[in-house]
């Protein structure tokens, strides 16, 4: 599914009030989505703020996905994470995923040690993460790749969210982030499929 928590794909949002916003009925599905996505966006490598947020919302401040998941995925987005240096055991499992054919995108202004292993390094300009995530979200939606069943059954406010990202065309995103439009399209489509 195409839901990214924490970088502007705010179907659920990521804010101090999030624990109160989750009902007992939606919390398990949110947990499932975040479990899939925290690895992808680099929450294994972000530090204290993320750990505190994860602990407040989910009761655990460490990684939320298993090593097996990273080994078996087809697409890995390391977003602002230099896992090779900060989480070498996790990165070992990431390499197993690459060996079995996963595609790795390193999204970071720095060409990190992790980026050296990436199929694509998306060297975005500093401070443009939300612009990139909004552009990717729009691309996923307009390409018909959003998981409509999940959106209809497990989210609220999707139409408002779409209106928020609707103006983030590939051209606008590329101009704002410094990441070429073709790279943004490829990342969005690979991630969504």
C-alpha atoms as a PDB file:
ATOM      1  CA  UNK A   1       0.000   0.000   0.000  1.00  0.00           C
ATOM      2  CA  UNK A   2       1.055   3.564  -0.539  1.00  0.00           C
ATOM      3  CA  UNK A   3       0.962   5.073   2.900  1.00  0.00           C
ATOM      4  CA  UNK A   4       4.072   6.658   4.336  1.00  0.00           C
ATOM      5  CA  UNK A   5       3.907   7.796   7.910  1.00  0.00           C
ATOM      6  CA  UNK A   6       6.098  10.638   9.069  1.00  0.00           C
ATOM      7  CA  UNK A   7       7.136  12.275   5.826  1.00  0.00           C
ATOM      8  CA  UNK A   8       3.913  13.833   4.631  1.00  0.00           C
ATOM      9  CA  UNK A   9       1.810  10.890   3.463  1.00  0.00           C
ATOM     10  CA  UNK A  10      -0.584  11.771   6.222  1.00  0.00           C
ATOM     11  CA  UNK A  11      -3.398   9.272   5.828  1.00  0.00           C
ATOM     12  CA  UNK A  12      -3.025   8.529   9.507  1.00  0.00           C
ATOM     13  CA  UNK A  13      -0.685  11.403  10.312  1.00  0.00           C
ATOM     14  CA  UNK A  14       2.232  11.462  12.666  1.00  0.00           C
ATOM     15  CA  UNK A  15       1.662  13.955  15.395  1.00  0.00           C
ATOM     16  CA  UNK A  16       1.768  14.110  19.189  1.00  0.00           C
ATOM     17  CA  UNK A  17      -1.975  13.321  19.280  1.00  0.00           C
ATOM     18  CA  UNK A  18      -1.672  10.170  17.219  1.00  0.00           C
ATOM     19  CA  UNK A  19      -2.019   7.733  20.156  1.00  0.00           C
ATOM     20  CA  UNK A  20      -5.407   9.231  20.986  1.00  0.00           C
ATOM     21  CA  UNK A  21      -6.443   9.251  17.322  1.00  0.00           C
ATOM     22  CA  UNK A  22      -6.142   5.499  16.920  1.00  0.00           C
ATOM     23  CA  UNK A  23      -9.197   3.529  17.848  1.00  0.00           C
ATOM     24  CA  UNK A  24      -8.850  -0.050  19.081  1.00  0.00           C
ATOM     25  CA  UNK A  25     -10.417  -1.139  15.800  1.00  0.00           C
ATOM     26  CA  UNK A  26      -7.895   0.619  13.547  1.00  0.00           C
ATOM     27  CA  UNK A  27      -4.776   0.222  15.685  1.00  0.00           C
ATOM     28  CA  UNK A  28      -3.970  -3.357  14.516  1.00  0.00           C
ATOM     29  CA  UNK A  29      -4.159  -2.369  10.847  1.00  0.00           C
ATOM     30  CA  UNK A  30      -2.110   0.776  11.491  1.00  0.00           C
ATOM     31  CA  UNK A  31       0.461  -1.384  13.270  1.00  0.00           C
ATOM     32  CA  UNK A  32       0.591  -3.715  10.246  1.00  0.00           C
ATOM     33  CA  UNK A  33       1.138  -0.805   7.848  1.00  0.00           C
ATOM     34  CA  UNK A  34       3.743   0.849  10.017  1.00  0.00           C
ATOM     35  CA  UNK A  35       5.499  -2.471  10.514  1.00  0.00           C
ATOM     36  CA  UNK A  36       5.897  -2.690   6.754  1.00  0.00           C
ATOM     37  CA  UNK A  37       6.955   0.907   6.338  1.00  0.00           C
ATOM     38  CA  UNK A  38       9.273   1.691   9.223  1.00  0.00           C
ATOM     39  CA  UNK A  39      12.006  -0.415   7.700  1.00  0.00           C
ATOM     40  CA  UNK A  40      11.450   1.180   4.335  1.00  0.00           C
ATOM     41  CA  UNK A  41      11.734   4.768   5.522  1.00  0.00           C
ATOM     42  CA  UNK A  42      14.720   4.156   7.726  1.00  0.00           C
ATOM     43  CA  UNK A  43      13.275   4.194  11.215  1.00  0.00           C
ATOM     44  CA  UNK A  44      15.948   1.696  12.153  1.00  0.00           C
ATOM     45  CA  UNK A  45      18.377   4.570  11.692  1.00  0.00           C
ATOM     46  CA  UNK A  46      16.751   7.733  12.937  1.00  0.00           C
ATOM     47  CA  UNK A  47      17.477   7.956  16.609  1.00  0.00           C
ATOM     48  CA  UNK A  48      15.928   9.162  19.813  1.00  0.00           C
ATOM     49  CA  UNK A  49      12.974  11.175  18.504  1.00  0.00           C
ATOM     50  CA  UNK A  50      11.693   8.268  16.433  1.00  0.00           C
ATOM     51  CA  UNK A  51      12.330   5.818  19.252  1.00  0.00           C
ATOM     52  CA  UNK A  52      10.356   7.979  21.666  1.00  0.00           C
ATOM     53  CA  UNK A  53       7.536   8.366  19.149  1.00  0.00           C
ATOM     54  CA  UNK A  54       7.422   4.651  18.481  1.00  0.00           C
ATOM     55  CA  UNK A  55       7.461   3.904  22.197  1.00  0.00           C
ATOM     56  CA  UNK A  56       4.640   6.379  22.869  1.00  0.00           C
ATOM     57  CA  UNK A  57       2.434   5.026  20.094  1.00  0.00           C
ATOM     58  CA  UNK A  58       3.279   1.335  19.989  1.00  0.00           C
ATOM     59  CA  UNK A  59       4.953   0.572  23.293  1.00  0.00           C
ATOM     60  CA  UNK A  60       8.364  -0.218  21.797  1.00  0.00           C
ATOM     61  CA  UNK A  61      11.033   2.207  20.682  1.00  0.00           C
ATOM     62  CA  UNK A  62      13.113  -0.089  18.496  1.00  0.00           C
ATOM     63  CA  UNK A  63      12.633  -1.303  14.973  1.00  0.00           C
ATOM     64  CA  UNK A  64       9.137  -2.368  14.082  1.00  0.00           C
ATOM     65  CA  UNK A  65       9.874  -4.881  11.346  1.00  0.00           C
ATOM     66  CA  UNK A  66      11.613  -8.194  11.419  1.00  0.00           C
ATOM     67  CA  UNK A  67      14.845  -9.013   9.663  1.00  0.00           C
ATOM     68  CA  UNK A  68      12.923 -11.564   7.644  1.00  0.00           C
ATOM     69  CA  UNK A  69      10.724  -8.815   6.173  1.00  0.00           C
ATOM     70  CA  UNK A  70      13.701  -6.853   4.856  1.00  0.00           C
ATOM     71  CA  UNK A  71      15.168 -10.038   3.397  1.00  0.00           C
ATOM     72  CA  UNK A  72      11.936 -10.872   1.556  1.00  0.00           C
ATOM     73  CA  UNK A  73      10.830  -7.472   0.255  1.00  0.00           C
ATOM     74  CA  UNK A  74      11.125  -6.389  -3.364  1.00  0.00           C
ATOM     75  CA  UNK A  75      11.677  -2.679  -2.742  1.00  0.00           C
ATOM     76  CA  UNK A  76      13.647  -0.921  -0.024  1.00  0.00           C
ATOM     77  CA  UNK A  77      13.573   2.843   0.492  1.00  0.00           C
ATOM     78  CA  UNK A  78      16.281   3.903   2.919  1.00  0.00           C
ATOM     79  CA  UNK A  79      15.006   7.400   3.598  1.00  0.00           C
ATOM     80  CA  UNK A  80      17.527   9.428   5.561  1.00  0.00           C
ATOM     81  CA  UNK A  81      19.086   6.297   6.979  1.00  0.00           C
ATOM     82  CA  UNK A  82      22.698   5.258   6.834  1.00  0.00           C
ATOM     83  CA  UNK A  83      21.943   1.784   8.129  1.00  0.00           C
ATOM     84  CA  UNK A  84      25.284   0.386   6.991  1.00  0.00           C
ATOM     85  CA  UNK A  85      27.039   2.455   9.658  1.00  0.00           C
ATOM     86  CA  UNK A  86      24.329   2.869  12.283  1.00  0.00           C
ATOM     87  CA  UNK A  87      22.718  -0.582  12.206  1.00  0.00           C
ATOM     88  CA  UNK A  88      25.182  -3.074  10.713  1.00  0.00           C
ATOM     89  CA  UNK A  89      23.229  -6.170  11.759  1.00  0.00           C
ATOM     90  CA  UNK A  90      20.078  -4.840  10.103  1.00  0.00           C
ATOM     91  CA  UNK A  91      22.139  -3.888   7.049  1.00  0.00           C
ATOM     92  CA  UNK A  92      23.440  -7.448   6.813  1.00  0.00           C
ATOM     93  CA  UNK A  93      19.819  -8.598   6.446  1.00  0.00           C
ATOM     94  CA  UNK A  94      19.164  -5.806   3.942  1.00  0.00           C
ATOM     95  CA  UNK A  95      22.051  -7.167   1.855  1.00  0.00           C
ATOM     96  CA  UNK A  96      20.373 -10.577   1.910  1.00  0.00           C
ATOM     97  CA  UNK A  97      17.286  -8.897   0.443  1.00  0.00           C
ATOM     98  CA  UNK A  98      19.394  -7.277  -2.265  1.00  0.00           C
ATOM     99  CA  UNK A  99      21.007 -10.617  -3.053  1.00  0.00           C
ATOM    100  CA  UNK A 100      17.576 -12.139  -3.649  1.00  0.00           C
ATOM    101  CA  UNK A 101      16.675  -9.267  -6.005  1.00  0.00           C
ATOM    102  CA  UNK A 102      15.244  -6.369  -3.991  1.00  0.00           C
ATOM    103  CA  UNK A 103      15.769  -2.908  -5.418  1.00  0.00           C
ATOM    104  CA  UNK A 104      17.355  -0.386  -3.036  1.00  0.00           C
ATOM    105  CA  UNK A 105      16.739   3.356  -3.182  1.00  0.00           C
ATOM    106  CA  UNK A 106      18.832   5.549  -0.885  1.00  0.00           C
ATOM    107  CA  UNK A 107      17.068   8.862  -0.300  1.00  0.00           C
ATOM    108  CA  UNK A 108      19.461  11.213   1.410  1.00  0.00           C
ATOM    109  CA  UNK A 109      21.287  14.459   0.620  1.00  0.00           C
ATOM    110  CA  UNK A 110      24.506  12.642   1.550  1.00  0.00           C
ATOM    111  CA  UNK A 111      25.998   9.852  -0.506  1.00  0.00           C
ATOM    112  CA  UNK A 112      26.286   7.623   2.534  1.00  0.00           C
ATOM    113  CA  UNK A 113      27.947   4.242   2.921  1.00  0.00           C
ATOM    114  CA  UNK A 114      24.461   2.749   2.518  1.00  0.00           C
ATOM    115  CA  UNK A 115      23.924   4.676  -0.726  1.00  0.00           C
ATOM    116  CA  UNK A 116      26.943   2.915  -2.215  1.00  0.00           C
ATOM    117  CA  UNK A 117      24.859  -0.288  -2.238  1.00  0.00           C
ATOM    118  CA  UNK A 118      21.782   1.362  -3.737  1.00  0.00           C
ATOM    119  CA  UNK A 119      20.448   0.802  -7.219  1.00  0.00           C
ATOM    120  CA  UNK A 120      19.453   4.469  -7.151  1.00  0.00           C
ATOM    121  CA  UNK A 121      20.745   7.278  -4.951  1.00  0.00           C
ATOM    122  CA  UNK A 122      18.136  10.042  -4.780  1.00  0.00           C
ATOM    123  CA  UNK A 123      20.281  12.894  -3.497  1.00  0.00           C
ATOM    124  CA  UNK A 124      17.497  15.291  -2.604  1.00  0.00           C
ATOM    125  CA  UNK A 125      18.182  18.830  -1.449  1.00  0.00           C
ATOM    126  CA  UNK A 126      18.298  19.326   2.317  1.00  0.00           C
ATOM    127  CA  UNK A 127      14.870  19.992   3.800  1.00  0.00           C
ATOM    128  CA  UNK A 128      12.825  18.713   0.853  1.00  0.00           C
ATOM    129  CA  UNK A 129      11.731  15.328   2.232  1.00  0.00           C
ATOM    130  CA  UNK A 130       8.071  16.296   2.487  1.00  0.00           C
ATOM    131  CA  UNK A 131       8.087  17.678  -1.049  1.00  0.00           C
ATOM    132  CA  UNK A 132       9.486  14.370  -2.281  1.00  0.00           C
ATOM    133  CA  UNK A 133       7.006  12.279  -0.313  1.00  0.00           C
ATOM    134  CA  UNK A 134       4.100  14.421  -1.530  1.00  0.00           C
ATOM    135  CA  UNK A 135       5.286  14.041  -5.129  1.00  0.00           C
ATOM    136  CA  UNK A 136       5.648  10.279  -4.769  1.00  0.00           C
ATOM    137  CA  UNK A 137       2.219  10.026  -3.147  1.00  0.00           C
ATOM    138  CA  UNK A 138       0.594  11.994  -5.966  1.00  0.00           C
ATOM    139  CA  UNK A 139       2.342   9.835  -8.561  1.00  0.00           C
ATOM    140  CA  UNK A 140       1.098   6.662  -6.874  1.00  0.00           C
ATOM    141  CA  UNK A 141      -2.458   7.983  -6.706  1.00  0.00           C
ATOM    142  CA  UNK A 142      -2.684   9.365 -10.266  1.00  0.00           C
ATOM    143  CA  UNK A 143      -1.073   6.199 -11.650  1.00  0.00           C
ATOM    144  CA  UNK A 144      -3.856   4.141 -10.100  1.00  0.00           C
ATOM    145  CA  UNK A 145      -1.456   2.285  -7.808  1.00  0.00           C
ATOM    146  CA  UNK A 146      -2.903   3.294  -4.440  1.00  0.00           C
ATOM    147  CA  UNK A 147      -4.403   0.424  -2.472  1.00  0.00           C
ATOM    148  CA  UNK A 148      -8.050   1.517  -2.711  1.00  0.00           C
ATOM    149  CA  UNK A 149      -9.385  -1.366  -0.642  1.00  0.00           C
ATOM    150  CA  UNK A 150      -7.093  -0.483   2.249  1.00  0.00           C
ATOM    151  CA  UNK A 151      -7.847   3.235   1.904  1.00  0.00           C
ATOM    152  CA  UNK A 152     -11.609   2.652   1.956  1.00  0.00           C
ATOM    153  CA  UNK A 153     -11.575   0.284   4.911  1.00  0.00           C
ATOM    154  CA  UNK A 154      -8.780   1.567   7.138  1.00  0.00           C
ATOM    155  CA  UNK A 155      -8.355   5.311   6.648  1.00  0.00           C
ATOM    156  CA  UNK A 156     -10.251   8.549   6.892  1.00  0.00           C
ATOM    157  CA  UNK A 157      -9.660  11.866   5.168  1.00  0.00           C
ATOM    158  CA  UNK A 158      -8.124  10.432   2.021  1.00  0.00           C
ATOM    159  CA  UNK A 159      -9.879  12.924  -0.265  1.00  0.00           C
ATOM    160  CA  UNK A 160      -8.510  15.787   1.833  1.00  0.00           C
ATOM    161  CA  UNK A 161      -5.083  14.194   1.679  1.00  0.00           C
ATOM    162  CA  UNK A 162      -5.263  13.880  -2.088  1.00  0.00           C
ATOM    163  CA  UNK A 163      -6.197  17.544  -2.381  1.00  0.00           C
ATOM    164  CA  UNK A 164      -3.086  18.316  -0.304  1.00  0.00           C
ATOM    165  CA  UNK A 165      -0.723  16.412  -2.629  1.00  0.00           C
ATOM    166  CA  UNK A 166      -2.555  17.029  -5.920  1.00  0.00           C
ATOM    167  CA  UNK A 167      -0.378  19.994  -6.909  1.00  0.00           C
ATOM    168  CA  UNK A 168       2.865  18.031  -6.387  1.00  0.00           C
ATOM    169  CA  UNK A 169       3.445  17.048 -10.019  1.00  0.00           C
ATOM    170  CA  UNK A 170       6.631  15.286 -11.014  1.00  0.00           C
ATOM    171  CA  UNK A 171       7.896  18.536 -12.488  1.00  0.00           C
ATOM    172  CA  UNK A 172       7.209  20.517  -9.314  1.00  0.00           C
ATOM    173  CA  UNK A 173       8.724  17.813  -7.139  1.00  0.00           C
ATOM    174  CA  UNK A 174      11.855  17.636  -9.268  1.00  0.00           C
ATOM    175  CA  UNK A 175      12.278  21.416  -9.186  1.00  0.00           C
ATOM    176  CA  UNK A 176      11.790  21.545  -5.413  1.00  0.00           C
ATOM    177  CA  UNK A 177      13.896  18.511  -4.427  1.00  0.00           C
ATOM    178  CA  UNK A 178      16.616  18.324  -7.061  1.00  0.00           C
ATOM    179  CA  UNK A 179      15.679  14.684  -7.717  1.00  0.00           C
ATOM    180  CA  UNK A 180      14.958  14.086 -11.418  1.00  0.00           C
ATOM    181  CA  UNK A 181      11.292  13.500 -12.284  1.00  0.00           C
ATOM    182  CA  UNK A 182      12.086  10.105 -13.818  1.00  0.00           C
ATOM    183  CA  UNK A 183      13.738   8.945 -10.600  1.00  0.00           C
ATOM    184  CA  UNK A 184      10.748  10.099  -8.534  1.00  0.00           C
ATOM    185  CA  UNK A 185       8.373   8.270 -10.890  1.00  0.00           C
ATOM    186  CA  UNK A 186      10.473   5.098 -10.741  1.00  0.00           C
ATOM    187  CA  UNK A 187      10.682   5.138  -6.941  1.00  0.00           C
ATOM    188  CA  UNK A 188       6.950   5.741  -6.562  1.00  0.00           C
ATOM    189  CA  UNK A 189       5.974   3.064  -9.031  1.00  0.00           C
ATOM    190  CA  UNK A 190       8.444   0.490  -7.719  1.00  0.00           C
ATOM    191  CA  UNK A 191       7.373   1.149  -4.142  1.00  0.00           C
ATOM    192  CA  UNK A 192       3.668   0.942  -4.955  1.00  0.00           C
ATOM    193  CA  UNK A 193       3.890  -2.255  -6.968  1.00  0.00           C
END
